[in-house]
PDB file of N, CA and C in Angstrom:
ATOM      1  N   MET A   1       0.816  -1.198   0.000  1.00  0.00           N
ATOM      2  CA  MET A   1       0.000   0.000   0.000  1.00  0.00           C
ATOM      3  C   MET A   1       0.862   1.265   0.000  1.00  0.00           C
ATOM      4  N   GLU A   2       1.961   1.253   0.765  1.00  0.00           N
ATOM      5  CA  GLU A   2       2.854   2.408   0.821  1.00  0.00           C
ATOM      6  C   GLU A   2       3.487   2.691  -0.538  1.00  0.00           C
ATOM      7  N   ILE A   3       3.859   1.653  -1.276  1.00  0.00           N
ATOM      8  CA  ILE A   3       4.476   1.819  -2.593  1.00  0.00           C
ATOM      9  C   ILE A   3       3.481   2.468  -3.543  1.00  0.00           C
ATOM     10  N   LEU A   4       2.223   2.063  -3.490  1.00  0.00           N
ATOM     11  CA  LEU A   4       1.186   2.628  -4.349  1.00  0.00           C
ATOM     12  C   LEU A   4       1.008   4.112  -4.049  1.00  0.00           C
ATOM     13  N   LYS A   5       0.970   4.488  -2.769  1.00  0.00           N
ATOM     14  CA  LYS A   5       0.833   5.896  -2.385  1.00  0.00           C
ATOM     15  C   LYS A   5       2.013   6.697  -2.923  1.00  0.00           C
ATOM     16  N   PHE A   6       3.207   6.156  -2.787  1.00  0.00           N
ATOM     17  CA  PHE A   6       4.403   6.848  -3.271  1.00  0.00           C
ATOM     18  C   PHE A   6       4.333   7.083  -4.781  1.00  0.00           C
ATOM     19  N   GLU A   7       3.918   6.065  -5.530  1.00  0.00           N
ATOM     20  CA  GLU A   7       3.827   6.206  -6.985  1.00  0.00           C
ATOM     21  C   GLU A   7       2.782   7.248  -7.368  1.00  0.00           C
ATOM     22  N   ILE A   8       1.662   7.279  -6.688  1.00  0.00           N
ATOM     23  CA  ILE A   8       0.615   8.267  -6.981  1.00  0.00           C
ATOM     24  C   ILE A   8       1.105   9.670  -6.647  1.00  0.00           C
ATOM     25  N   ILE A   9       1.739   9.821  -5.505  1.00  0.00           N
ATOM     26  CA  ILE A   9       2.272  11.131  -5.110  1.00  0.00           C
ATOM     27  C   ILE A   9       3.358  11.570  -6.078  1.00  0.00           C
ATOM     28  N   LYS A  10       4.217  10.647  -6.480  1.00  0.00           N
ATOM     29  CA  LYS A  10       5.290  10.965  -7.421  1.00  0.00           C
ATOM     30  C   LYS A  10       4.704  11.448  -8.748  1.00  0.00           C
ATOM     31  N   GLU A  11       3.699  10.759  -9.255  1.00  0.00           N
ATOM     32  CA  GLU A  11       3.040  11.171 -10.504  1.00  0.00           C
ATOM     33  C   GLU A  11       2.392  12.536 -10.344  1.00  0.00           C
ATOM     34  N   PHE A  12       1.734  12.750  -9.223  1.00  0.00           N
ATOM     35  CA  PHE A  12       1.083  14.022  -8.940  1.00  0.00           C
ATOM     36  C   PHE A  12       2.096  15.170  -8.940  1.00  0.00           C
ATOM     37  N   LEU A  13       3.210  14.973  -8.280  1.00  0.00           N
ATOM     38  CA  LEU A  13       4.251  16.004  -8.222  1.00  0.00           C
ATOM     39  C   LEU A  13       4.851  16.279  -9.601  1.00  0.00           C
ATOM     40  N   GLU A  14       4.998  15.242 -10.409  1.00  0.00           N
ATOM     41  CA  GLU A  14       5.511  15.433 -11.769  1.00  0.00           C
ATOM     42  C   GLU A  14       4.543  16.268 -12.604  1.00  0.00           C
ATOM     43  N   VAL A  15       3.247  16.019 -12.456  1.00  0.00           N
ATOM     44  CA  VAL A  15       2.236  16.800 -13.179  1.00  0.00           C
ATOM     45  C   VAL A  15       2.283  18.257 -12.744  1.00  0.00           C
ATOM     46  N   ILE A  16       2.368  18.487 -11.462  1.00  0.00           N
ATOM     47  CA  ILE A  16       2.438  19.864 -10.945  1.00  0.00           C
ATOM     48  C   ILE A  16       3.692  20.562 -11.468  1.00  0.00           C
ATOM     49  N   LYS A  17       4.805  19.866 -11.443  1.00  0.00           N
ATOM     50  CA  LYS A  17       6.070  20.448 -11.925  1.00  0.00           C
ATOM     51  C   LYS A  17       5.943  20.852 -13.395  1.00  0.00           C
ATOM     52  N   LYS A  18       5.350  19.997 -14.215  1.00  0.00           N
ATOM     53  CA  LYS A  18       5.173  20.315 -15.637  1.00  0.00           C
ATOM     54  C   LYS A  18       4.287  21.534 -15.826  1.00  0.00           C
ATOM     55  N   GLU A  19       3.230  21.637 -15.035  1.00  0.00           N
ATOM     56  CA  GLU A  19       2.320  22.784 -15.133  1.00  0.00           C
ATOM     57  C   GLU A  19       3.041  24.081 -14.791  1.00  0.00           C
ATOM     58  N   PHE A  20       3.839  24.069 -13.725  1.00  0.00           N
ATOM     59  CA  PHE A  20       4.587  25.255 -13.346  1.00  0.00           C
ATOM     60  C   PHE A  20       5.622  25.619 -14.403  1.00  0.00           C
ATOM     61  N   GLU A  21       6.291  24.630 -14.963  1.00  0.00           N
ATOM     62  CA  GLU A  21       7.277  24.898 -16.011  1.00  0.00           C
ATOM     63  C   GLU A  21       6.608  25.510 -17.234  1.00  0.00           C
ATOM     64  N   ARG A  22       5.432  25.019 -17.598  1.00  0.00           N
ATOM     65  CA  ARG A  22       4.702  25.562 -18.743  1.00  0.00           C
ATOM     66  C   ARG A  22       4.323  27.016 -18.474  1.00  0.00           C
ATOM     67  N   GLY A  23       3.852  27.315 -17.274  1.00  0.00           N
ATOM     68  CA  GLY A  23       3.485  28.682 -16.911  1.00  0.00           C
ATOM     69  C   GLY A  23       4.691  29.609 -16.915  1.00  0.00           C
ATOM     70  N   GLU A  24       5.801  29.113 -16.434  1.00  0.00           N
ATOM     71  CA  GLU A  24       7.031  29.912 -16.415  1.00  0.00           C
ATOM     72  C   GLU A  24       7.508  30.213 -17.844  1.00  0.00           C
ATOM     73  N   GLU A  25       7.439  29.224 -18.706  1.00  0.00           N
ATOM     74  CA  GLU A  25       7.840  29.408 -20.105  1.00  0.00           C
ATOM     75  C   GLU A  25       6.932  30.423 -20.797  1.00  0.00           C
ATOM     76  N   GLU A  26       5.635  30.339 -20.530  1.00  0.00           N
ATOM     77  CA  GLU A  26       4.683  31.281 -21.123  1.00  0.00           C
ATOM     78  C   GLU A  26       4.970  32.697 -20.638  1.00  0.00           C
ATOM     79  N   LEU A  27       5.285  32.866 -19.371  1.00  0.00           N
ATOM     80  CA  LEU A  27       5.617  34.174 -18.824  1.00  0.00           C
ATOM     81  C   LEU A  27       6.859  34.748 -19.493  1.00  0.00           C
ATOM     82  N   LYS A  28       7.859  33.923 -19.737  1.00  0.00           N
ATOM     83  CA  LYS A  28       9.072  34.374 -20.439  1.00  0.00           C
ATOM     84  C   LYS A  28       8.725  34.882 -21.838  1.00  0.00           C
ATOM     85  N   LYS A  29       7.844  34.163 -22.535  1.00  0.00           N
ATOM     86  CA  LYS A  29       7.471  34.540 -23.899  1.00  0.00           C
ATOM     87  C   LYS A  29       6.684  35.846 -23.919  1.00  0.00           C
ATOM     88  N   VAL A  30       5.798  36.037 -22.962  1.00  0.00           N
ATOM     89  CA  VAL A  30       5.032  37.282 -22.873  1.00  0.00           C
ATOM     90  C   VAL A  30       5.969  38.438 -22.552  1.00  0.00           C
ATOM     91  N   THR A  31       6.925  38.210 -21.660  1.00  0.00           N
ATOM     92  CA  THR A  31       7.902  39.242 -21.312  1.00  0.00           C
ATOM     93  C   THR A  31       8.723  39.632 -22.537  1.00  0.00           C
ATOM     94  N   GLU A  32       9.098  38.659 -23.333  1.00  0.00           N
ATOM     95  CA  GLU A  32       9.852  38.930 -24.565  1.00  0.00           C
ATOM     96  C   GLU A  32       9.016  39.781 -25.529  1.00  0.00           C
ATOM     97  N   LEU A  33       7.738  39.477 -25.648  1.00  0.00           N
ATOM     98  CA  LEU A  33       6.846  40.248 -26.523  1.00  0.00           C
ATOM     99  C   LEU A  33       6.752  41.693 -26.045  1.00  0.00           C
ATOM    100  N   LYS A  34       6.674  41.892 -24.751  1.00  0.00           N
ATOM    101  CA  LYS A  34       6.552  43.244 -24.204  1.00  0.00           C
ATOM    102  C   LYS A  34       7.831  44.067 -24.374  1.00  0.00           C
ATOM    103  N   LYS A  35       8.951  43.420 -24.628  1.00  0.00           N
ATOM    104  CA  LYS A  35      10.215  44.127 -24.821  1.00  0.00           C
ATOM    105  C   LYS A  35      10.406  44.625 -26.251  1.00  0.00           C
ATOM    106  N   VAL A  36       9.591  44.158 -27.183  1.00  0.00           N
ATOM    107  CA  VAL A  36       9.734  44.544 -28.594  1.00  0.00           C
ATOM    108  C   VAL A  36       9.304  45.998 -28.754  1.00  0.00           C
ATOM    109  N   LYS A  37      10.191  46.817 -29.289  1.00  0.00           N
ATOM    110  CA  LYS A  37       9.916  48.241 -29.500  1.00  0.00           C
ATOM    111  C   LYS A  37      10.330  48.632 -30.913  1.00  0.00           C
ATOM    112  N   GLN A  38       9.607  49.575 -31.486  1.00  0.00           N
ATOM    113  CA  GLN A  38       9.948  50.002 -32.838  1.00  0.00           C
ATOM    114  C   GLN A  38      11.182  50.890 -32.830  1.00  0.00           C
ATOM    115  N   GLU A  39      11.217  51.868 -31.960  1.00  0.00           N
ATOM    116  CA  GLU A  39      12.300  52.830 -31.867  1.00  0.00           C
ATOM    117  C   GLU A  39      12.645  53.394 -33.244  1.00  0.00           C
ATOM    118  N   GLN A  40      13.861  53.201 -33.726  1.00  0.00           N
ATOM    119  CA  GLN A  40      14.282  53.793 -35.003  1.00  0.00           C
ATOM    120  C   GLN A  40      14.112  52.841 -36.192  1.00  0.00           C
ATOM    121  N   GLN A  41      13.532  51.697 -35.963  1.00  0.00           N
ATOM    122  CA  GLN A  41      13.377  50.712 -37.037  1.00  0.00           C
ATOM    123  C   GLN A  41      12.223  51.076 -37.961  1.00  0.00           C
ATOM    124  N   THR A  42      12.298  50.554 -39.165  1.00  0.00           N
ATOM    125  CA  THR A  42      11.159  50.716 -40.066  1.00  0.00           C
ATOM    126  C   THR A  42      10.023  49.846 -39.553  1.00  0.00           C
ATOM    127  N   MET A  43       8.844  50.106 -40.045  1.00  0.00           N
ATOM    128  CA  MET A  43       7.690  49.326 -39.625  1.00  0.00           C
ATOM    129  C   MET A  43       7.846  47.862 -40.052  1.00  0.00           C
ATOM    130  N   ASP A  44       8.433  47.626 -41.220  1.00  0.00           N
ATOM    131  CA  ASP A  44       8.669  46.245 -41.665  1.00  0.00           C
ATOM    132  C   ASP A  44       9.553  45.496 -40.666  1.00  0.00           C
ATOM    133  N   GLU A  45      10.621  46.138 -40.206  1.00  0.00           N
ATOM    134  CA  GLU A  45      11.529  45.508 -39.244  1.00  0.00           C
ATOM    135  C   GLU A  45      10.821  45.261 -37.911  1.00  0.00           C
ATOM    136  N   TYR A  46      10.051  46.254 -37.475  1.00  0.00           N
ATOM    137  CA  TYR A  46       9.300  46.125 -36.219  1.00  0.00           C
ATOM    138  C   TYR A  46       8.304  44.966 -36.304  1.00  0.00           C
ATOM    139  N   ILE A  47       7.598  44.877 -37.411  1.00  0.00           N
ATOM    140  CA  ILE A  47       6.601  43.816 -37.590  1.00  0.00           C
ATOM    141  C   ILE A  47       7.266  42.444 -37.546  1.00  0.00           C
ATOM    142  N   GLN A  48       8.416  42.299 -38.186  1.00  0.00           N
ATOM    143  CA  GLN A  48       9.101  41.004 -38.181  1.00  0.00           C
ATOM    144  C   GLN A  48       9.513  40.604 -36.762  1.00  0.00           C
ATOM    145  N   MET A  49      10.070  41.541 -36.011  1.00  0.00           N
ATOM    146  CA  MET A  49      10.448  41.258 -34.621  1.00  0.00           C
ATOM    147  C   MET A  49       9.206  40.923 -33.791  1.00  0.00           C
ATOM    148  N   PHE A  50       8.146  41.697 -34.001  1.00  0.00           N
ATOM    149  CA  PHE A  50       6.920  41.480 -33.241  1.00  0.00           C
ATOM    150  C   PHE A  50       6.313  40.117 -33.559  1.00  0.00           C
ATOM    151  N   LYS A  51       6.297  39.753 -34.833  1.00  0.00           N
ATOM    152  CA  LYS A  51       5.731  38.460 -35.226  1.00  0.00           C
ATOM    153  C   LYS A  51       6.487  37.303 -34.572  1.00  0.00           C
ATOM    154  N   ARG A  52       7.820  37.396 -34.549  1.00  0.00           N
ATOM    155  CA  ARG A  52       8.619  36.336 -33.923  1.00  0.00           C
ATOM    156  C   ARG A  52       8.267  36.189 -32.443  1.00  0.00           C
ATOM    157  N   ALA A  53       8.184  37.310 -31.755  1.00  0.00           N
ATOM    158  CA  ALA A  53       7.866  37.265 -30.326  1.00  0.00           C
ATOM    159  C   ALA A  53       6.414  36.841 -30.103  1.00  0.00           C
ATOM    160  N   ALA A  54       5.523  37.269 -30.966  1.00  0.00           N
ATOM    161  CA  ALA A  54       4.096  36.959 -30.803  1.00  0.00           C
ATOM    162  C   ALA A  54       3.820  35.481 -31.007  1.00  0.00           C
ATOM    163  N   ARG A  55       4.526  34.856 -31.935  1.00  0.00           N
ATOM    164  CA  ARG A  55       4.333  33.422 -32.190  1.00  0.00           C
ATOM    165  C   ARG A  55       4.551  32.605 -30.922  1.00  0.00           C
ATOM    166  N   ALA A  56       5.497  32.999 -30.144  1.00  0.00           N
ATOM    167  CA  ALA A  56       5.828  32.248 -28.937  1.00  0.00           C
ATOM    168  C   ALA A  56       4.925  32.586 -27.754  1.00  0.00           C
ATOM    169  N   SER A  57       4.226  33.717 -27.825  1.00  0.00           N
ATOM    170  CA  SER A  57       3.379  34.116 -26.698  1.00  0.00           C
ATOM    171  C   SER A  57       1.994  33.498 -26.823  1.00  0.00           C
ATOM    172  N   SER A  58       1.237  33.635 -25.774  1.00  0.00           N
ATOM    173  CA  SER A  58      -0.137  33.124 -25.788  1.00  0.00           C
ATOM    174  C   SER A  58      -1.129  34.218 -26.170  1.00  0.00           C
ATOM    175  N   TYR A  59      -0.639  35.380 -26.530  1.00  0.00           N
ATOM    176  CA  TYR A  59      -1.525  36.501 -26.849  1.00  0.00           C
ATOM    177  C   TYR A  59      -2.263  36.253 -28.159  1.00  0.00           C
ATOM    178  N   LYS A  60      -3.522  36.610 -28.166  1.00  0.00           N
ATOM    179  CA  LYS A  60      -4.374  36.473 -29.353  1.00  0.00           C
ATOM    180  C   LYS A  60      -5.187  37.747 -29.543  1.00  0.00           C
ATOM    181  N   ARG A  61      -5.695  37.943 -30.695  1.00  0.00           N
ATOM    182  CA  ARG A  61      -6.633  38.987 -31.108  1.00  0.00           C
ATOM    183  C   ARG A  61      -6.382  40.351 -30.475  1.00  0.00           C
ATOM    184  N   ARG A  62      -7.339  40.823 -29.683  1.00  0.00           N
ATOM    185  CA  ARG A  62      -7.278  42.189 -29.153  1.00  0.00           C
ATOM    186  C   ARG A  62      -6.024  42.459 -28.335  1.00  0.00           C
ATOM    187  N   LEU A  63      -5.648  41.518 -27.514  1.00  0.00           N
ATOM    188  CA  LEU A  63      -4.462  41.690 -26.681  1.00  0.00           C
ATOM    189  C   LEU A  63      -3.204  41.797 -27.537  1.00  0.00           C
ATOM    190  N   LEU A  64      -3.157  41.050 -28.614  1.00  0.00           N
ATOM    191  CA  LEU A  64      -2.023  41.102 -29.531  1.00  0.00           C
ATOM    192  C   LEU A  64      -1.976  42.455 -30.238  1.00  0.00           C
ATOM    193  N   VAL A  65      -3.122  42.939 -30.690  1.00  0.00           N
ATOM    194  CA  VAL A  65      -3.194  44.255 -31.335  1.00  0.00           C
ATOM    195  C   VAL A  65      -2.770  45.336 -30.353  1.00  0.00           C
ATOM    196  N   LYS A  66      -3.244  45.239 -29.124  1.00  0.00           N
ATOM    197  CA  LYS A  66      -2.893  46.235 -28.096  1.00  0.00           C
ATOM    198  C   LYS A  66      -1.380  46.289 -27.891  1.00  0.00           C
ATOM    199  N   GLU A  67      -0.737  45.148 -27.791  1.00  0.00           N
ATOM    200  CA  GLU A  67       0.717  45.110 -27.626  1.00  0.00           C
ATOM    201  C   GLU A  67       1.432  45.678 -28.846  1.00  0.00           C
ATOM    202  N   PHE A  68       0.929  45.373 -30.025  1.00  0.00           N
ATOM    203  CA  PHE A  68       1.539  45.877 -31.257  1.00  0.00           C
ATOM    204  C   PHE A  68       1.476  47.403 -31.297  1.00  0.00           C
ATOM    205  N   LYS A  69       0.329  47.966 -30.969  1.00  0.00           N
ATOM    206  CA  LYS A  69       0.147  49.420 -31.014  1.00  0.00           C
ATOM    207  C   LYS A  69       0.970  50.130 -29.949  1.00  0.00           C
ATOM    208  N   ARG A  70       1.183  49.479 -28.830  1.00  0.00           N
ATOM    209  CA  ARG A  70       1.828  50.100 -27.674  1.00  0.00           C
ATOM    210  C   ARG A  70       3.202  50.693 -27.992  1.00  0.00           C
ATOM    211  N   GLU A  71       4.011  50.031 -28.764  1.00  0.00           N
ATOM    212  CA  GLU A  71       5.386  50.482 -29.003  1.00  0.00           C
ATOM    213  C   GLU A  71       5.656  50.952 -30.423  1.00  0.00           C
ATOM    214  N   MET A  72       4.620  51.133 -31.216  1.00  0.00           N
ATOM    215  CA  MET A  72       4.842  51.605 -32.581  1.00  0.00           C
ATOM    216  C   MET A  72       4.903  53.133 -32.621  1.00  0.00           C
ATOM    217  N   ASN A  73       5.317  53.664 -33.737  1.00  0.00           N
ATOM    218  CA  ASN A  73       5.398  55.103 -33.974  1.00  0.00           C
ATOM    219  C   ASN A  73       4.067  55.765 -33.604  1.00  0.00           C
ATOM    220  N   ARG A  74       4.121  56.751 -32.719  1.00  0.00           N
ATOM    221  CA  ARG A  74       2.885  57.392 -32.227  1.00  0.00           C
ATOM    222  C   ARG A  74       2.105  58.092 -33.325  1.00  0.00           C
ATOM    223  N   GLY A  75       2.802  58.754 -34.225  1.00  0.00           N
ATOM    224  CA  GLY A  75       2.116  59.468 -35.304  1.00  0.00           C
ATOM    225  C   GLY A  75       1.338  58.523 -36.207  1.00  0.00           C
ATOM    226  N   ILE A  76       1.953  57.437 -36.557  1.00  0.00           N
ATOM    227  CA  ILE A  76       1.286  56.442 -37.407  1.00  0.00           C
ATOM    228  C   ILE A  76       0.123  55.804 -36.659  1.00  0.00           C
ATOM    229  N   ARG A  77       0.348  55.474 -35.388  1.00  0.00           N
ATOM    230  CA  ARG A  77      -0.727  54.878 -34.587  1.00  0.00           C
ATOM    231  C   ARG A  77      -1.927  55.816 -34.508  1.00  0.00           C
ATOM    232  N   ARG A  78      -1.662  57.097 -34.263  1.00  0.00           N
ATOM    233  CA  ARG A  78      -2.749  58.078 -34.164  1.00  0.00           C
ATOM    234  C   ARG A  78      -3.524  58.168 -35.466  1.00  0.00           C
ATOM    235  N   ARG A  79      -2.810  58.228 -36.585  1.00  0.00           N
ATOM    236  CA  ARG A  79      -3.483  58.313 -37.887  1.00  0.00           C
ATOM    237  C   ARG A  79      -4.356  57.094 -38.155  1.00  0.00           C
ATOM    238  N   LEU A  80      -3.854  55.934 -37.813  1.00  0.00           N
ATOM    239  CA  LEU A  80      -4.635  54.712 -38.039  1.00  0.00           C
ATOM    240  C   LEU A  80      -5.838  54.616 -37.106  1.00  0.00           C
ATOM    241  N   MET A  81      -5.720  55.159 -35.913  1.00  0.00           N
ATOM    242  CA  MET A  81      -6.839  55.124 -34.970  1.00  0.00           C
ATOM    243  C   MET A  81      -7.942  56.090 -35.396  1.00  0.00           C
ATOM    244  N   GLU A  82      -7.586  57.109 -36.164  1.00  0.00           N
ATOM    245  CA  GLU A  82      -8.557  58.121 -36.567  1.00  0.00           C
ATOM    246  C   GLU A  82      -9.319  57.768 -37.844  1.00  0.00           C
ATOM    247  N   VAL A  83      -8.951  56.697 -38.513  1.00  0.00           N
ATOM    248  CA  VAL A  83      -9.645  56.342 -39.750  1.00  0.00           C
ATOM    249  C   VAL A  83     -11.064  55.886 -39.454  1.00  0.00           C
ATOM    250  N   GLU A  84     -11.904  55.965 -40.471  1.00  0.00           N
ATOM    251  CA  GLU A  84     -13.320  55.651 -40.299  1.00  0.00           C
ATOM    252  C   GLU A  84     -13.545  54.198 -39.871  1.00  0.00           C
ATOM    253  N   TYR A  85     -12.784  53.280 -40.446  1.00  0.00           N
ATOM    254  CA  TYR A  85     -12.927  51.864 -40.115  1.00  0.00           C
ATOM    255  C   TYR A  85     -11.611  51.337 -39.562  1.00  0.00           C
ATOM    256  N   PRO A  86     -11.418  51.467 -38.257  1.00  0.00           N
ATOM    257  CA  PRO A  86     -10.137  51.004 -37.692  1.00  0.00           C
ATOM    258  C   PRO A  86      -9.957  49.497 -37.867  1.00  0.00           C
ATOM    259  N   SER A  87      -8.717  49.094 -37.971  1.00  0.00           N
ATOM    260  CA  SER A  87      -8.385  47.677 -38.134  1.00  0.00           C
ATOM    261  C   SER A  87      -8.773  46.894 -36.884  1.00  0.00           C
ATOM    262  N   LYS A  88      -9.251  45.696 -37.106  1.00  0.00           N
ATOM    263  CA  LYS A  88      -9.638  44.826 -35.983  1.00  0.00           C
ATOM    264  C   LYS A  88      -8.612  43.714 -35.771  1.00  0.00           C
ATOM    265  N   SER A  89      -8.121  43.138 -36.848  1.00  0.00           N
ATOM    266  CA  SER A  89      -7.190  42.012 -36.719  1.00  0.00           C
ATOM    267  C   SER A  89      -5.747  42.496 -36.773  1.00  0.00           C
ATOM    268  N   ILE A  90      -4.866  41.671 -36.249  1.00  0.00           N
ATOM    269  CA  ILE A  90      -3.444  42.014 -36.251  1.00  0.00           C
ATOM    270  C   ILE A  90      -2.908  42.072 -37.680  1.00  0.00           C
ATOM    271  N   ASN A  91      -3.389  41.205 -38.563  1.00  0.00           N
ATOM    272  CA  ASN A  91      -2.923  41.227 -39.955  1.00  0.00           C
ATOM    273  C   ASN A  91      -3.348  42.505 -40.658  1.00  0.00           C
ATOM    274  N   GLN A  92      -4.545  43.007 -40.372  1.00  0.00           N
ATOM    275  CA  GLN A  92      -4.971  44.289 -40.934  1.00  0.00           C
ATOM    276  C   GLN A  92      -4.072  45.406 -40.432  1.00  0.00           C
ATOM    277  N   TRP A  93      -3.722  45.357 -39.161  1.00  0.00           N
ATOM    278  CA  TRP A  93      -2.815  46.368 -38.621  1.00  0.00           C
ATOM    279  C   TRP A  93      -1.468  46.311 -39.318  1.00  0.00           C
ATOM    280  N   TYR A  94      -0.931  45.133 -39.519  1.00  0.00           N
ATOM    281  CA  TYR A  94       0.351  45.000 -40.208  1.00  0.00           C
ATOM    282  C   TYR A  94       0.290  45.659 -41.588  1.00  0.00           C
ATOM    283  N   LYS A  95      -0.716  45.316 -42.371  1.00  0.00           N
ATOM    284  CA  LYS A  95      -0.832  45.828 -43.739  1.00  0.00           C
ATOM    285  C   LYS A  95      -1.012  47.335 -43.769  1.00  0.00           C
ATOM    286  N   ARG A  96      -1.920  47.832 -42.947  1.00  0.00           N
ATOM    287  CA  ARG A  96      -2.203  49.272 -42.965  1.00  0.00           C
ATOM    288  C   ARG A  96      -1.028  50.107 -42.469  1.00  0.00           C
ATOM    289  N   VAL A  97      -0.362  49.636 -41.448  1.00  0.00           N
ATOM    290  CA  VAL A  97       0.729  50.400 -40.871  1.00  0.00           C
ATOM    291  C   VAL A  97       1.914  50.460 -41.839  1.00  0.00           C
ATOM    292  N   VAL A  98       2.191  49.390 -42.543  1.00  0.00           N
ATOM    293  CA  VAL A  98       3.275  49.390 -43.529  1.00  0.00           C
ATOM    294  C   VAL A  98       2.937  50.346 -44.661  1.00  0.00           C
ATOM    295  N   ARG A  99       1.714  50.283 -45.134  1.00  0.00           N
ATOM    296  CA  ARG A  99       1.288  51.169 -46.223  1.00  0.00           C
ATOM    297  C   ARG A  99       1.386  52.639 -45.806  1.00  0.00           C
ATOM    298  N   LEU A 100       0.920  52.960 -44.607  1.00  0.00           N
ATOM    299  CA  LEU A 100       0.955  54.333 -44.124  1.00  0.00           C
ATOM    300  C   LEU A 100       2.387  54.818 -43.943  1.00  0.00           C
ATOM    301  N   GLU A 101       3.250  53.990 -43.392  1.00  0.00           N
ATOM    302  CA  GLU A 101       4.643  54.398 -43.202  1.00  0.00           C
ATOM    303  C   GLU A 101       5.320  54.659 -44.552  1.00  0.00           C
ATOM    304  N   ARG A 102       5.076  53.804 -45.506  1.00  0.00           N
ATOM    305  CA  ARG A 102       5.665  54.013 -46.840  1.00  0.00           C
ATOM    306  C   ARG A 102       5.166  55.315 -47.461  1.00  0.00           C
ATOM    307  N   ASN A 103       3.884  55.596 -47.309  1.00  0.00           N
ATOM    308  CA  ASN A 103       3.336  56.848 -47.834  1.00  0.00           C
ATOM    309  C   ASN A 103       3.956  58.056 -47.142  1.00  0.00           C
ATOM    310  N   CYS A 104       4.162  57.971 -45.839  1.00  0.00           N
ATOM    311  CA  CYS A 104       4.791  59.071 -45.092  1.00  0.00           C
ATOM    312  C   CYS A 104       6.216  59.314 -45.565  1.00  0.00           C
ATOM    313  N   ARG A 105       6.976  58.226 -45.754  1.00  0.00           N
ATOM    314  CA  ARG A 105       8.355  58.364 -46.239  1.00  0.00           C
ATOM    315  C   ARG A 105       8.395  58.963 -47.635  1.00  0.00           C
ATOM    316  N   LYS A 106       7.477  58.517 -48.487  1.00  0.00           N
ATOM    317  CA  LYS A 106       7.410  59.048 -49.851  1.00  0.00           C
ATOM    318  C   LYS A 106       7.069  60.532 -49.822  1.00  0.00           C
ATOM    319  N   SER A 107       6.142  60.915 -48.980  1.00  0.00           N
ATOM    320  CA  SER A 107       5.746  62.315 -48.854  1.00  0.00           C
ATOM    321  C   SER A 107       6.912  63.162 -48.384  1.00  0.00           C
ATOM    322  N   ARG A 108       7.689  62.680 -47.401  1.00  0.00           N
ATOM    323  CA  ARG A 108       8.862  63.416 -46.906  1.00  0.00           C
ATOM    324  C   ARG A 108       9.923  63.591 -47.989  1.00  0.00           C
ATOM    325  N   ARG A 109      10.143  62.530 -48.776  1.00  0.00           N
ATOM    326  CA  ARG A 109      11.119  62.630 -49.866  1.00  0.00           C
ATOM    327  C   ARG A 109      10.689  63.657 -50.895  1.00  0.00           C
ATOM    328  N   GLU A 110       9.420  63.679 -51.217  1.00  0.00           N
ATOM    329  CA  GLU A 110       8.910  64.639 -52.193  1.00  0.00           C
ATOM    330  C   GLU A 110       9.051  66.070 -51.690  1.00  0.00           C
ATOM    331  N   LYS A 111       8.830  66.287 -50.393  1.00  0.00           N
ATOM    332  CA  LYS A 111       9.008  67.633 -49.810  1.00  0.00           C
ATOM    333  C   LYS A 111      10.472  68.044 -49.883  1.00  0.00           C
ATOM    334  N   GLU A 112      11.388  67.114 -49.601  1.00  0.00           N
ATOM    335  CA  GLU A 112      12.809  67.413 -49.627  1.00  0.00           C
ATOM    336  C   GLU A 112      13.306  67.732 -51.033  1.00  0.00           C
ATOM    337  N   GLU A 113      12.671  67.133 -52.039  1.00  0.00           N
ATOM    338  CA  GLU A 113      13.086  67.349 -53.415  1.00  0.00           C
ATOM    339  C   GLU A 113      12.677  68.730 -53.943  1.00  0.00           C
ATOM    340  N   LYS A 114      11.701  69.346 -53.328  1.00  0.00           N
ATOM    341  CA  LYS A 114      11.210  70.664 -53.791  1.00  0.00           C
ATOM    342  C   LYS A 114      12.156  71.762 -53.510  1.00  0.00           C
TER     343      LYS A 114
END
């Protein structure tokens, strides 16, 4: 009877250990996602870094969009938030933000050429 109790307790402890390890790994991935910042990078570079970190995190939909917007260029974020039909999905945000950044860069180059 004692051997059976030991085996059950041992299995129970192994399950608990795995659960804690999974939670710890998920926390590391979320922390990595929160460290991604655009800073001086182009939007394409920022998106690639963000996608890599997001794949490993458990973030989905709205929470993922919120994290993406948090560290992107404020001017671009503001412009996208003011449009009539704001993006809902993360993929829509990726597409729109790249397009807007390219248009802004093109506009700046045209002003400089005048």
